[in-house]
PDB file of N, CA and C in Angstrom:
ATOM      1  N   MET A   1      44.639  98.499-131.716  1.00  0.00           N
ATOM      2  CA  MET A   1      44.482  98.642-130.268  1.00  0.00           C
ATOM      3  C   MET A   1      42.953  98.157-129.964  1.00  0.00           C
ATOM      4  N   ASN A   2      42.661  97.410-128.918  1.00  0.00           N
ATOM      5  CA  ASN A   2      41.408  96.796-128.664  1.00  0.00           C
ATOM      6  C   ASN A   2      40.357  98.068-128.303  1.00  0.00           C
ATOM      7  N   ARG A   3      39.213  97.417-128.652  1.00  0.00           N
ATOM      8  CA  ARG A   3      38.098  98.511-128.524  1.00  0.00           C
ATOM      9  C   ARG A   3      37.341  97.674-127.901  1.00  0.00           C
ATOM     10  N   THR A   4      36.571  98.143-126.762  1.00  0.00           N
ATOM     11  CA  THR A   4      35.454  97.398-125.922  1.00  0.00           C
ATOM     12  C   THR A   4      34.411  98.519-125.335  1.00  0.00           C
ATOM     13  N   ALA A   5      33.245  98.221-125.950  1.00  0.00           N
ATOM     14  CA  ALA A   5      31.963  98.925-125.411  1.00  0.00           C
ATOM     15  C   ALA A   5      31.127  98.261-124.430  1.00  0.00           C
ATOM     16  N   THR A   6      30.508  99.216-123.844  1.00  0.00           N
ATOM     17  CA  THR A   6      29.393  98.668-122.725  1.00  0.00           C
ATOM     18  C   THR A   6      27.934  99.359-123.119  1.00  0.00           C
ATOM     19  N   SER A   7      26.870  98.978-122.884  1.00  0.00           N
ATOM     20  CA  SER A   7      25.614  99.619-123.047  1.00  0.00           C
ATOM     21  C   SER A   7      24.969  99.989-121.767  1.00  0.00           C
ATOM     22  N   GLY A   8      24.016 100.818-121.781  1.00  0.00           N
ATOM     23  CA  GLY A   8      23.260 101.167-120.716  1.00  0.00           C
ATOM     24  C   GLY A   8      21.967 100.949-120.934  1.00  0.00           C
ATOM     25  N   THR A   9      20.875 101.693-120.123  1.00  0.00           N
ATOM     26  CA  THR A   9      19.494 101.635-120.255  1.00  0.00           C
ATOM     27  C   THR A   9      18.744 102.415-121.062  1.00  0.00           C
ATOM     28  N   SER A  10      19.626 103.568-121.536  1.00  0.00           N
ATOM     29  CA  SER A  10      19.000 104.661-122.288  1.00  0.00           C
ATOM     30  C   SER A  10      18.300 104.017-123.654  1.00  0.00           C
ATOM     31  N   PRO A  11      17.004 104.405-123.768  1.00  0.00           N
ATOM     32  CA  PRO A  11      16.293 103.913-125.195  1.00  0.00           C
ATOM     33  C   PRO A  11      17.064 104.538-126.388  1.00  0.00           C
ATOM     34  N   TYR A  12      18.040 105.707-126.362  1.00  0.00           N
ATOM     35  CA  TYR A  12      18.539 106.375-127.303  1.00  0.00           C
ATOM     36  C   TYR A  12      19.790 105.777-127.763  1.00  0.00           C
ATOM     37  N   GLU A  13      20.228 104.812-126.772  1.00  0.00           N
ATOM     38  CA  GLU A  13      21.567 104.267-127.408  1.00  0.00           C
ATOM     39  C   GLU A  13      21.439 103.269-128.747  1.00  0.00           C
ATOM     40  N   THR A  14      20.226 102.498-128.803  1.00  0.00           N
ATOM     41  CA  THR A  14      20.106 101.782-129.891  1.00  0.00           C
ATOM     42  C   THR A  14      19.514 102.770-131.118  1.00  0.00           C
ATOM     43  N   ALA A  15      18.538 103.476-130.845  1.00  0.00           N
ATOM     44  CA  ALA A  15      17.994 104.293-131.849  1.00  0.00           C
ATOM     45  C   ALA A  15      18.901 105.409-132.222  1.00  0.00           C
ATOM     46  N   TYR A  16      19.871 105.811-131.553  1.00  0.00           N
ATOM     47  CA  TYR A  16      20.659 106.854-132.241  1.00  0.00           C
ATOM     48  C   TYR A  16      22.147 106.242-132.463  1.00  0.00           C
ATOM     49  N   GLY A  17      22.441 104.863-132.279  1.00  0.00           N
ATOM     50  CA  GLY A  17      23.489 104.267-132.627  1.00  0.00           C
ATOM     51  C   GLY A  17      24.759 104.787-131.762  1.00  0.00           C
ATOM     52  N   PHE A  18      24.644 104.664-130.493  1.00  0.00           N
ATOM     53  CA  PHE A  18      25.998 104.939-129.621  1.00  0.00           C
ATOM     54  C   PHE A  18      25.918 103.973-128.525  1.00  0.00           C
ATOM     55  N   SER A  19      27.180 104.004-127.926  1.00  0.00           N
ATOM     56  CA  SER A  19      27.472 103.153-126.540  1.00  0.00           C
ATOM     57  C   SER A  19      27.376 103.951-125.382  1.00  0.00           C
ATOM     58  N   ARG A  20      27.061 103.300-124.312  1.00  0.00           N
ATOM     59  CA  ARG A  20      27.173 104.069-123.165  1.00  0.00           C
ATOM     60  C   ARG A  20      28.723 104.527-122.805  1.00  0.00           C
ATOM     61  N   ALA A  21      29.544 103.437-122.945  1.00  0.00           N
ATOM     62  CA  ALA A  21      30.841 104.023-122.741  1.00  0.00           C
ATOM     63  C   ALA A  21      31.792 103.005-123.720  1.00  0.00           C
ATOM     64  N   VAL A  22      32.894 103.370-124.058  1.00  0.00           N
ATOM     65  CA  VAL A  22      33.793 102.962-124.832  1.00  0.00           C
ATOM     66  C   VAL A  22      35.271 102.765-124.357  1.00  0.00           C
ATOM     67  N   ARG A  23      35.883 101.659-124.271  1.00  0.00           N
ATOM     68  CA  ARG A  23      37.486 101.607-123.845  1.00  0.00           C
ATOM     69  C   ARG A  23      38.257 101.374-125.076  1.00  0.00           C
ATOM     70  N   VAL A  24      39.138 102.187-125.198  1.00  0.00           N
ATOM     71  CA  VAL A  24      40.254 102.007-126.113  1.00  0.00           C
ATOM     72  C   VAL A  24      41.385 101.971-125.434  1.00  0.00           C
ATOM     73  N   GLY A  25      42.272 101.050-125.482  1.00  0.00           N
ATOM     74  CA  GLY A  25      43.646 101.118-124.698  1.00  0.00           C
ATOM     75  C   GLY A  25      43.079 101.356-123.005  1.00  0.00           C
ATOM     76  N   LYS A  26      43.751 102.077-122.472  1.00  0.00           N
ATOM     77  CA  LYS A  26      43.677 102.593-121.085  1.00  0.00           C
ATOM     78  C   LYS A  26      42.594 103.649-121.013  1.00  0.00           C
ATOM     79  N   ARG A  27      42.120 104.083-122.068  1.00  0.00           N
ATOM     80  CA  ARG A  27      41.006 105.332-122.002  1.00  0.00           C
ATOM     81  C   ARG A  27      39.636 104.899-122.043  1.00  0.00           C
ATOM     82  N   ILE A  28      38.766 105.452-121.168  1.00  0.00           N
ATOM     83  CA  ILE A  28      37.359 105.183-121.224  1.00  0.00           C
ATOM     84  C   ILE A  28      36.577 106.354-121.497  1.00  0.00           C
ATOM     85  N   LEU A  29      35.872 106.312-122.414  1.00  0.00           N
ATOM     86  CA  LEU A  29      35.113 107.621-122.517  1.00  0.00           C
ATOM     87  C   LEU A  29      33.487 107.165-122.399  1.00  0.00           C
ATOM     88  N   VAL A  30      32.785 108.001-121.583  1.00  0.00           N
ATOM     89  CA  VAL A  30      31.699 107.818-121.519  1.00  0.00           C
ATOM     90  C   VAL A  30      30.651 108.831-121.926  1.00  0.00           C
ATOM     91  N   SER A  31      29.641 108.356-122.675  1.00  0.00           N
ATOM     92  CA  SER A  31      28.772 109.292-123.414  1.00  0.00           C
ATOM     93  C   SER A  31      28.015 110.118-122.435  1.00  0.00           C
ATOM     94  N   GLY A  32      27.375 111.403-123.109  1.00  0.00           N
ATOM     95  CA  GLY A  32      26.436 112.097-122.298  1.00  0.00           C
ATOM     96  C   GLY A  32      25.504 111.363-121.676  1.00  0.00           C
ATOM     97  N   THR A  33      25.259 111.332-120.195  1.00  0.00           N
ATOM     98  CA  THR A  33      24.640 110.472-119.545  1.00  0.00           C
ATOM     99  C   THR A  33      23.476 111.137-118.832  1.00  0.00           C
ATOM    100  N   ALA A  34      22.268 110.885-119.201  1.00  0.00           N
ATOM    101  CA  ALA A  34      21.127 111.332-118.803  1.00  0.00           C
ATOM    102  C   ALA A  34      20.595 110.851-117.482  1.00  0.00           C
ATOM    103  N   PRO A  35      19.590 111.305-116.750  1.00  0.00           N
ATOM    104  CA  PRO A  35      18.969 110.471-115.696  1.00  0.00           C
ATOM    105  C   PRO A  35      17.889 109.750-115.973  1.00  0.00           C
ATOM    106  N   VAL A  36      18.409 108.492-116.624  1.00  0.00           N
ATOM    107  CA  VAL A  36      17.514 107.349-117.098  1.00  0.00           C
ATOM    108  C   VAL A  36      17.529 106.175-116.307  1.00  0.00           C
ATOM    109  N   GLU A  37      16.185 105.854-115.751  1.00  0.00           N
ATOM    110  CA  GLU A  37      15.997 104.541-114.975  1.00  0.00           C
ATOM    111  C   GLU A  37      16.445 103.258-115.740  1.00  0.00           C
ATOM    112  N   ASP A  38      16.489 102.104-114.954  1.00  0.00           N
ATOM    113  CA  ASP A  38      16.833 100.880-115.610  1.00  0.00           C
ATOM    114  C   ASP A  38      15.650 100.469-116.652  1.00  0.00           C
ATOM    115  N   ASP A  39      14.401 101.031-116.418  1.00  0.00           N
ATOM    116  CA  ASP A  39      13.159 100.819-117.229  1.00  0.00           C
ATOM    117  C   ASP A  39      13.050 101.740-118.297  1.00  0.00           C
ATOM    118  N   GLY A  40      13.925 102.847-118.534  1.00  0.00           N
ATOM    119  CA  GLY A  40      13.873 103.881-119.626  1.00  0.00           C
ATOM    120  C   GLY A  40      13.195 104.855-119.217  1.00  0.00           C
ATOM    121  N   SER A  41      12.732 105.117-117.976  1.00  0.00           N
ATOM    122  CA  SER A  41      11.805 106.189-117.824  1.00  0.00           C
ATOM    123  C   SER A  41      12.942 107.206-116.949  1.00  0.00           C
ATOM    124  N   SER A  42      12.501 108.494-116.993  1.00  0.00           N
ATOM    125  CA  SER A  42      13.542 109.394-116.637  1.00  0.00           C
ATOM    126  C   SER A  42      13.188 109.526-114.760  1.00  0.00           C
ATOM    127  N   THR A  43      14.586 109.974-114.357  1.00  0.00           N
ATOM    128  CA  THR A  43      14.629 109.719-113.045  1.00  0.00           C
ATOM    129  C   THR A  43      13.802 110.939-112.441  1.00  0.00           C
ATOM    130  N   PRO A  44      13.089 110.499-111.329  1.00  0.00           N
ATOM    131  CA  PRO A  44      12.118 111.865-110.866  1.00  0.00           C
ATOM    132  C   PRO A  44      13.037 112.703-109.741  1.00  0.00           C
ATOM    133  N   GLY A  45      12.697 113.751-109.657  1.00  0.00           N
ATOM    134  CA  GLY A  45      13.203 114.368-108.692  1.00  0.00           C
ATOM    135  C   GLY A  45      13.800 115.896-109.108  1.00  0.00           C
ATOM    136  N   ASP A  46      14.675 116.284-108.161  1.00  0.00           N
ATOM    137  CA  ASP A  46      15.555 117.618-108.449  1.00  0.00           C
ATOM    138  C   ASP A  46      16.636 117.335-109.137  1.00  0.00           C
ATOM    139  N   ALA A  47      17.515 118.375-109.406  1.00  0.00           N
ATOM    140  CA  ALA A  47      18.808 118.188-110.144  1.00  0.00           C
ATOM    141  C   ALA A  47      19.829 117.371-109.296  1.00  0.00           C
ATOM    142  N   ALA A  48      19.652 117.458-108.104  1.00  0.00           N
ATOM    143  CA  ALA A  48      20.518 116.580-107.372  1.00  0.00           C
ATOM    144  C   ALA A  48      20.249 115.219-107.678  1.00  0.00           C
ATOM    145  N   ALA A  49      19.046 114.744-107.496  1.00  0.00           N
ATOM    146  CA  ALA A  49      18.709 113.320-107.635  1.00  0.00           C
ATOM    147  C   ALA A  49      18.979 112.818-109.072  1.00  0.00           C
ATOM    148  N   GLN A  50      18.820 113.678-109.998  1.00  0.00           N
ATOM    149  CA  GLN A  50      19.250 113.388-111.304  1.00  0.00           C
ATOM    150  C   GLN A  50      20.669 113.176-111.483  1.00  0.00           C
ATOM    151  N   ALA A  51      21.422 114.404-111.093  1.00  0.00           N
ATOM    152  CA  ALA A  51      22.995 113.992-111.000  1.00  0.00           C
ATOM    153  C   ALA A  51      23.313 112.761-110.490  1.00  0.00           C
ATOM    154  N   ARG A  52      22.803 112.430-109.408  1.00  0.00           N
ATOM    155  CA  ARG A  52      23.432 111.217-108.570  1.00  0.00           C
ATOM    156  C   ARG A  52      23.153 109.911-109.423  1.00  0.00           C
ATOM    157  N   ARG A  53      21.936 109.900-110.040  1.00  0.00           N
ATOM    158  CA  ARG A  53      21.444 108.800-111.126  1.00  0.00           C
ATOM    159  C   ARG A  53      22.457 108.935-112.389  1.00  0.00           C
ATOM    160  N   CYS A  54      22.763 109.999-112.839  1.00  0.00           N
ATOM    161  CA  CYS A  54      23.583 110.046-113.910  1.00  0.00           C
ATOM    162  C   CYS A  54      25.209 109.491-113.587  1.00  0.00           C
ATOM    163  N   LEU A  55      25.609 109.892-112.437  1.00  0.00           N
ATOM    164  CA  LEU A  55      26.757 109.340-111.882  1.00  0.00           C
ATOM    165  C   LEU A  55      26.785 107.933-111.705  1.00  0.00           C
ATOM    166  N   ALA A  56      25.816 107.502-111.003  1.00  0.00           N
ATOM    167  CA  ALA A  56      25.811 106.048-110.718  1.00  0.00           C
ATOM    168  C   ALA A  56      25.932 105.369-112.125  1.00  0.00           C
ATOM    169  N   ILE A  57      25.345 105.771-113.205  1.00  0.00           N
ATOM    170  CA  ILE A  57      25.433 105.163-114.429  1.00  0.00           C
ATOM    171  C   ILE A  57      26.646 105.201-114.989  1.00  0.00           C
ATOM    172  N   ILE A  58      27.409 106.267-114.729  1.00  0.00           N
ATOM    173  CA  ILE A  58      28.630 106.492-115.354  1.00  0.00           C
ATOM    174  C   ILE A  58      29.729 105.695-114.671  1.00  0.00           C
ATOM    175  N   VAL A  59      29.654 105.696-113.391  1.00  0.00           N
ATOM    176  CA  VAL A  59      30.672 104.741-112.567  1.00  0.00           C
ATOM    177  C   VAL A  59      30.385 103.341-112.869  1.00  0.00           C
ATOM    178  N   ARG A  60      29.117 102.784-112.971  1.00  0.00           N
ATOM    179  CA  ARG A  60      28.943 101.500-113.479  1.00  0.00           C
ATOM    180  C   ARG A  60      29.441 101.067-114.820  1.00  0.00           C
ATOM    181  N   ALA A  61      29.188 101.900-115.708  1.00  0.00           N
ATOM    182  CA  ALA A  61      29.820 101.724-116.991  1.00  0.00           C
ATOM    183  C   ALA A  61      31.382 101.769-117.160  1.00  0.00           C
ATOM    184  N   ILE A  62      31.942 102.451-116.255  1.00  0.00           N
ATOM    185  CA  ILE A  62      33.264 102.603-116.112  1.00  0.00           C
ATOM    186  C   ILE A  62      33.932 101.341-115.408  1.00  0.00           C
ATOM    187  N   GLY A  63      32.973 100.748-114.417  1.00  0.00           N
ATOM    188  CA  GLY A  63      33.360  99.619-113.903  1.00  0.00           C
ATOM    189  C   GLY A  63      33.125  98.423-114.758  1.00  0.00           C
ATOM    190  N   GLU A  64      32.253  98.422-115.679  1.00  0.00           N
ATOM    191  CA  GLU A  64      32.093  97.325-116.665  1.00  0.00           C
ATOM    192  C   GLU A  64      33.291  97.143-117.777  1.00  0.00           C
ATOM    193  N   LEU A  65      34.110  98.386-117.711  1.00  0.00           N
ATOM    194  CA  LEU A  65      35.113  98.425-118.596  1.00  0.00           C
ATOM    195  C   LEU A  65      36.383  98.209-117.877  1.00  0.00           C
ATOM    196  N   GLY A  66      36.447  97.864-116.600  1.00  0.00           N
ATOM    197  CA  GLY A  66      37.520  97.643-115.953  1.00  0.00           C
ATOM    198  C   GLY A  66      38.129  98.735-115.107  1.00  0.00           C
ATOM    199  N   GLY A  67      37.337  99.898-115.217  1.00  0.00           N
ATOM    200  CA  GLY A  67      37.942 101.156-114.253  1.00  0.00           C
ATOM    201  C   GLY A  67      37.023 101.314-112.920  1.00  0.00           C
ATOM    202  N   SER A  68      37.323 102.407-112.525  1.00  0.00           N
ATOM    203  CA  SER A  68      36.526 102.801-111.176  1.00  0.00           C
ATOM    204  C   SER A  68      36.513 104.283-111.141  1.00  0.00           C
ATOM    205  N   ALA A  69      35.897 104.849-110.210  1.00  0.00           N
ATOM    206  CA  ALA A  69      35.652 106.225-110.023  1.00  0.00           C
ATOM    207  C   ALA A  69      37.000 107.014-109.707  1.00  0.00           C
ATOM    208  N   ALA A  70      38.038 106.231-109.166  1.00  0.00           N
ATOM    209  CA  ALA A  70      39.093 106.734-109.029  1.00  0.00           C
ATOM    210  C   ALA A  70      40.024 107.088-110.195  1.00  0.00           C
ATOM    211  N   ASP A  71      39.591 106.399-111.309  1.00  0.00           N
ATOM    212  CA  ASP A  71      40.382 106.655-112.725  1.00  0.00           C
ATOM    213  C   ASP A  71      39.803 107.779-113.362  1.00  0.00           C
ATOM    214  N   VAL A  72      38.617 108.494-113.073  1.00  0.00           N
ATOM    215  CA  VAL A  72      38.071 109.671-113.837  1.00  0.00           C
ATOM    216  C   VAL A  72      39.181 110.630-113.695  1.00  0.00           C
ATOM    217  N   VAL A  73      39.253 111.348-114.936  1.00  0.00           N
ATOM    218  CA  VAL A  73      40.146 112.519-115.219  1.00  0.00           C
ATOM    219  C   VAL A  73      39.493 113.594-115.640  1.00  0.00           C
ATOM    220  N   ARG A  74      38.207 113.534-116.159  1.00  0.00           N
ATOM    221  CA  ARG A  74      37.497 114.692-116.657  1.00  0.00           C
ATOM    222  C   ARG A  74      35.968 114.322-116.731  1.00  0.00           C
ATOM    223  N   THR A  75      35.237 115.651-116.389  1.00  0.00           N
ATOM    224  CA  THR A  75      33.755 115.337-116.437  1.00  0.00           C
ATOM    225  C   THR A  75      33.295 116.508-117.104  1.00  0.00           C
ATOM    226  N   ARG A  76      32.142 116.618-117.664  1.00  0.00           N
ATOM    227  CA  ARG A  76      31.332 117.525-118.235  1.00  0.00           C
ATOM    228  C   ARG A  76      29.985 117.579-117.673  1.00  0.00           C
ATOM    229  N   MET A  77      29.599 118.675-117.312  1.00  0.00           N
ATOM    230  CA  MET A  77      28.249 118.579-116.485  1.00  0.00           C
ATOM    231  C   MET A  77      27.424 119.745-117.403  1.00  0.00           C
ATOM    232  N   TYR A  78      26.264 119.418-117.911  1.00  0.00           N
ATOM    233  CA  TYR A  78      25.175 120.172-118.605  1.00  0.00           C
ATOM    234  C   TYR A  78      24.044 120.501-117.698  1.00  0.00           C
ATOM    235  N   ILE A  79      23.729 121.673-117.467  1.00  0.00           N
ATOM    236  CA  ILE A  79      22.425 121.963-116.563  1.00  0.00           C
ATOM    237  C   ILE A  79      21.485 122.875-117.475  1.00  0.00           C
ATOM    238  N   VAL A  80      20.374 122.929-117.133  1.00  0.00           N
ATOM    239  CA  VAL A  80      19.579 123.813-117.585  1.00  0.00           C
ATOM    240  C   VAL A  80      19.081 125.115-116.853  1.00  0.00           C
ATOM    241  N   ASP A  81      19.438 125.036-115.590  1.00  0.00           N
ATOM    242  CA  ASP A  81      19.354 126.069-114.912  1.00  0.00           C
ATOM    243  C   ASP A  81      20.376 126.394-113.910  1.00  0.00           C
ATOM    244  N   PRO A  82      20.979 127.662-114.131  1.00  0.00           N
ATOM    245  CA  PRO A  82      22.004 127.949-113.308  1.00  0.00           C
ATOM    246  C   PRO A  82      22.010 127.896-111.865  1.00  0.00           C
ATOM    247  N   ALA A  83      20.432 127.835-111.448  1.00  0.00           N
ATOM    248  CA  ALA A  83      20.278 127.780-109.720  1.00  0.00           C
ATOM    249  C   ALA A  83      20.444 126.417-109.262  1.00  0.00           C
ATOM    250  N   ASP A  84      20.521 125.371-110.266  1.00  0.00           N
ATOM    251  CA  ASP A  84      20.830 123.876-110.072  1.00  0.00           C
ATOM    252  C   ASP A  84      22.477 123.570-109.808  1.00  0.00           C
ATOM    253  N   ALA A  85      23.313 124.833-110.025  1.00  0.00           N
ATOM    254  CA  ALA A  85      24.752 124.451-110.090  1.00  0.00           C
ATOM    255  C   ALA A  85      25.385 123.994-108.773  1.00  0.00           C
ATOM    256  N   ASP A  86      25.021 124.373-107.536  1.00  0.00           N
ATOM    257  CA  ASP A  86      25.529 123.935-106.425  1.00  0.00           C
ATOM    258  C   ASP A  86      25.141 122.941-105.988  1.00  0.00           C
ATOM    259  N   ALA A  87      23.892 122.325-106.415  1.00  0.00           N
ATOM    260  CA  ALA A  87      23.268 120.981-106.150  1.00  0.00           C
ATOM    261  C   ALA A  87      23.954 119.853-106.924  1.00  0.00           C
ATOM    262  N   VAL A  88      24.144 120.371-108.223  1.00  0.00           N
ATOM    263  CA  VAL A  88      24.618 119.178-108.981  1.00  0.00           C
ATOM    264  C   VAL A  88      26.199 119.151-108.656  1.00  0.00           C
ATOM    265  N   GLY A  89      26.961 120.485-108.419  1.00  0.00           N
ATOM    266  CA  GLY A  89      28.340 120.274-107.817  1.00  0.00           C
ATOM    267  C   GLY A  89      28.601 119.593-106.604  1.00  0.00           C
ATOM    268  N   ALA A  90      27.599 119.655-105.744  1.00  0.00           N
ATOM    269  CA  ALA A  90      27.638 118.831-104.561  1.00  0.00           C
ATOM    270  C   ALA A  90      27.663 117.332-104.813  1.00  0.00           C
ATOM    271  N   VAL A  91      26.790 116.937-105.620  1.00  0.00           N
ATOM    272  CA  VAL A  91      26.788 115.603-105.953  1.00  0.00           C
ATOM    273  C   VAL A  91      28.240 114.855-106.719  1.00  0.00           C
ATOM    274  N   HIS A  92      28.465 115.920-107.575  1.00  0.00           N
ATOM    275  CA  HIS A  92      29.742 115.588-108.338  1.00  0.00           C
ATOM    276  C   HIS A  92      30.639 115.219-107.048  1.00  0.00           C
ATOM    277  N   GLY A  93      30.896 116.275-105.999  1.00  0.00           N
ATOM    278  CA  GLY A  93      31.677 115.977-105.062  1.00  0.00           C
ATOM    279  C   GLY A  93      31.460 114.791-104.260  1.00  0.00           C
ATOM    280  N   GLU A  94      30.387 114.342-103.937  1.00  0.00           N
ATOM    281  CA  GLU A  94      30.218 113.119-103.498  1.00  0.00           C
ATOM    282  C   GLU A  94      30.828 112.008-104.173  1.00  0.00           C
ATOM    283  N   PHE A  95      30.761 111.886-105.445  1.00  0.00           N
ATOM    284  CA  PHE A  95      31.364 110.753-106.286  1.00  0.00           C
ATOM    285  C   PHE A  95      32.772 111.160-106.535  1.00  0.00           C
ATOM    286  N   PHE A  96      33.504 112.228-106.523  1.00  0.00           N
ATOM    287  CA  PHE A  96      34.817 112.543-107.169  1.00  0.00           C
ATOM    288  C   PHE A  96      35.620 113.481-106.270  1.00  0.00           C
ATOM    289  N   GLY A  97      34.986 113.832-105.099  1.00  0.00           N
ATOM    290  CA  GLY A  97      35.790 114.827-104.207  1.00  0.00           C
ATOM    291  C   GLY A  97      37.157 114.193-103.893  1.00  0.00           C
ATOM    292  N   ALA A  98      37.480 113.070-103.752  1.00  0.00           N
ATOM    293  CA  ALA A  98      38.878 112.498-103.495  1.00  0.00           C
ATOM    294  C   ALA A  98      39.683 112.515-104.722  1.00  0.00           C
ATOM    295  N   VAL A  99      38.878 112.306-105.941  1.00  0.00           N
ATOM    296  CA  VAL A  99      39.747 112.303-107.159  1.00  0.00           C
ATOM    297  C   VAL A  99      40.037 113.610-107.536  1.00  0.00           C
ATOM    298  N   ARG A 100      39.027 114.491-107.619  1.00  0.00           N
ATOM    299  CA  ARG A 100      39.131 115.850-108.194  1.00  0.00           C
ATOM    300  C   ARG A 100      39.527 115.888-109.615  1.00  0.00           C
ATOM    301  N   PRO A 101      38.653 115.343-110.530  1.00  0.00           N
ATOM    302  CA  PRO A 101      38.997 115.487-111.992  1.00  0.00           C
ATOM    303  C   PRO A 101      38.784 116.755-112.477  1.00  0.00           C
ATOM    304  N   ALA A 102      39.485 116.971-113.666  1.00  0.00           N
ATOM    305  CA  ALA A 102      39.215 118.343-114.408  1.00  0.00           C
ATOM    306  C   ALA A 102      37.654 118.279-114.649  1.00  0.00           C
ATOM    307  N   ALA A 103      36.792 119.405-114.393  1.00  0.00           N
ATOM    308  CA  ALA A 103      35.630 119.405-114.689  1.00  0.00           C
ATOM    309  C   ALA A 103      35.002 120.767-115.281  1.00  0.00           C
ATOM    310  N   THR A 104      33.933 120.621-116.079  1.00  0.00           N
ATOM    311  CA  THR A 104      33.263 121.509-116.671  1.00  0.00           C
ATOM    312  C   THR A 104      31.895 121.592-116.303  1.00  0.00           C
ATOM    313  N   MET A 105      31.289 122.799-116.067  1.00  0.00           N
ATOM    314  CA  MET A 105      29.721 122.636-115.829  1.00  0.00           C
ATOM    315  C   MET A 105      29.077 123.936-116.777  1.00  0.00           C
ATOM    316  N   VAL A 106      28.368 123.564-117.572  1.00  0.00           N
ATOM    317  CA  VAL A 106      27.652 124.330-118.555  1.00  0.00           C
ATOM    318  C   VAL A 106      26.339 124.648-118.632  1.00  0.00           C
ATOM    319  N   VAL A 107      25.854 125.831-118.491  1.00  0.00           N
ATOM    320  CA  VAL A 107      24.203 126.019-118.698  1.00  0.00           C
ATOM    321  C   VAL A 107      23.815 125.791-120.035  1.00  0.00           C
ATOM    322  N   VAL A 108      22.835 125.185-120.333  1.00  0.00           N
ATOM    323  CA  VAL A 108      22.568 124.914-121.817  1.00  0.00           C
ATOM    324  C   VAL A 108      20.843 125.421-121.814  1.00  0.00           C
ATOM    325  N   LYS A 109      20.375 125.708-123.012  1.00  0.00           N
ATOM    326  CA  LYS A 109      19.175 126.075-123.160  1.00  0.00           C
ATOM    327  C   LYS A 109      18.008 124.974-122.990  1.00  0.00           C
ATOM    328  N   ALA A 110      18.680 123.673-123.478  1.00  0.00           N
ATOM    329  CA  ALA A 110      17.540 122.479-123.257  1.00  0.00           C
ATOM    330  C   ALA A 110      18.376 121.221-123.304  1.00  0.00           C
ATOM    331  N   LEU A 111      17.696 120.026-122.631  1.00  0.00           N
ATOM    332  CA  LEU A 111      18.356 118.791-122.893  1.00  0.00           C
ATOM    333  C   LEU A 111      17.334 118.063-123.836  1.00  0.00           C
ATOM    334  N   LEU A 112      17.731 117.068-124.043  1.00  0.00           N
ATOM    335  CA  LEU A 112      16.570 116.058-124.859  1.00  0.00           C
ATOM    336  C   LEU A 112      15.220 115.876-124.548  1.00  0.00           C
ATOM    337  N   ARG A 113      15.173 115.800-123.246  1.00  0.00           N
ATOM    338  CA  ARG A 113      13.768 115.594-122.517  1.00  0.00           C
ATOM    339  C   ARG A 113      13.610 116.802-121.667  1.00  0.00           C
ATOM    340  N   ASP A 114      12.322 117.229-121.656  1.00  0.00           N
ATOM    341  CA  ASP A 114      12.171 118.642-120.871  1.00  0.00           C
ATOM    342  C   ASP A 114      12.220 118.366-119.292  1.00  0.00           C
ATOM    343  N   GLU A 115      12.069 117.117-118.957  1.00  0.00           N
ATOM    344  CA  GLU A 115      12.084 116.878-117.410  1.00  0.00           C
ATOM    345  C   GLU A 115      13.585 116.634-116.885  1.00  0.00           C
ATOM    346  N   TRP A 116      14.558 116.559-117.850  1.00  0.00           N
ATOM    347  CA  TRP A 116      15.848 116.369-117.686  1.00  0.00           C
ATOM    348  C   TRP A 116      16.586 117.670-117.120  1.00  0.00           C
ATOM    349  N   ARG A 117      17.156 117.788-116.003  1.00  0.00           N
ATOM    350  CA  ARG A 117      17.779 118.878-115.533  1.00  0.00           C
ATOM    351  C   ARG A 117      19.395 118.820-115.611  1.00  0.00           C
ATOM    352  N   VAL A 118      19.536 117.829-115.901  1.00  0.00           N
ATOM    353  CA  VAL A 118      21.278 117.678-115.930  1.00  0.00           C
ATOM    354  C   VAL A 118      21.681 116.338-116.887  1.00  0.00           C
ATOM    355  N   GLU A 119      22.670 116.643-117.565  1.00  0.00           N
ATOM    356  CA  GLU A 119      23.434 115.233-118.231  1.00  0.00           C
ATOM    357  C   GLU A 119      24.895 115.533-118.188  1.00  0.00           C
ATOM    358  N   ILE A 120      25.516 114.247-117.872  1.00  0.00           N
ATOM    359  CA  ILE A 120      26.913 114.407-117.403  1.00  0.00           C
ATOM    360  C   ILE A 120      27.814 113.355-118.429  1.00  0.00           C
ATOM    361  N   GLU A 121      29.046 113.883-118.785  1.00  0.00           N
ATOM    362  CA  GLU A 121      29.871 113.150-119.769  1.00  0.00           C
ATOM    363  C   GLU A 121      31.062 112.970-118.563  1.00  0.00           C
ATOM    364  N   ALA A 122      31.932 111.671-119.004  1.00  0.00           N
ATOM    365  CA  ALA A 122      33.138 111.543-118.109  1.00  0.00           C
ATOM    366  C   ALA A 122      34.231 110.753-119.066  1.00  0.00           C
ATOM    367  N   GLU A 123      35.454 111.061-118.605  1.00  0.00           N
ATOM    368  CA  GLU A 123      36.547 110.324-119.315  1.00  0.00           C
ATOM    369  C   GLU A 123      37.383 109.667-118.158  1.00  0.00           C
ATOM    370  N   ALA A 124      37.862 108.476-118.264  1.00  0.00           N
ATOM    371  CA  ALA A 124      38.721 107.933-117.297  1.00  0.00           C
ATOM    372  C   ALA A 124      40.014 107.304-118.145  1.00  0.00           C
ATOM    373  N   LEU A 125      41.166 106.965-117.287  1.00  0.00           N
ATOM    374  CA  LEU A 125      42.489 106.629-117.528  1.00  0.00           C
ATOM    375  C   LEU A 125      42.665 105.697-116.624  1.00  0.00           C
ATOM    376  N   VAL A 126      42.717 104.334-116.993  1.00  0.00           N
ATOM    377  CA  VAL A 126      42.816 103.219-116.198  1.00  0.00           C
ATOM    378  C   VAL A 126      44.334 102.719-116.340  1.00  0.00           C
ATOM    379  N   GLY A 127      44.939 102.346-115.147  1.00  0.00           N
ATOM    380  CA  GLY A 127      46.294 101.857-114.892  1.00  0.00           C
ATOM    381  C   GLY A 127      47.365 102.813-114.947  1.00  0.00           C
TER     382      GLY A 127
END
């Protein structure tokens, strides 16, 4: 089966040896995606702004591998403050409200950078 990968702008991809997303057959798996700007800096702002950036990166990666937001079947959202759940969930709805993938939101003690409030993973099935 063919395997295709795409890279993003996270400085951790090269340093830690992973791809932003990998497509194997009809399946696209997107790595945990943090709010990282194109220059490698963290996205400023609240959890909603950071979630919006994470999901934009995810949708772009899926698109680069031949899919779209409509192909997303699973997401996992990691947040550091339960008070951010509604804000992150609302942004998730902006991107996937019509698709309604299976989703999980988990509160974690911390993410890799202190300024990150959210990190998101996704899976898509194309075709």
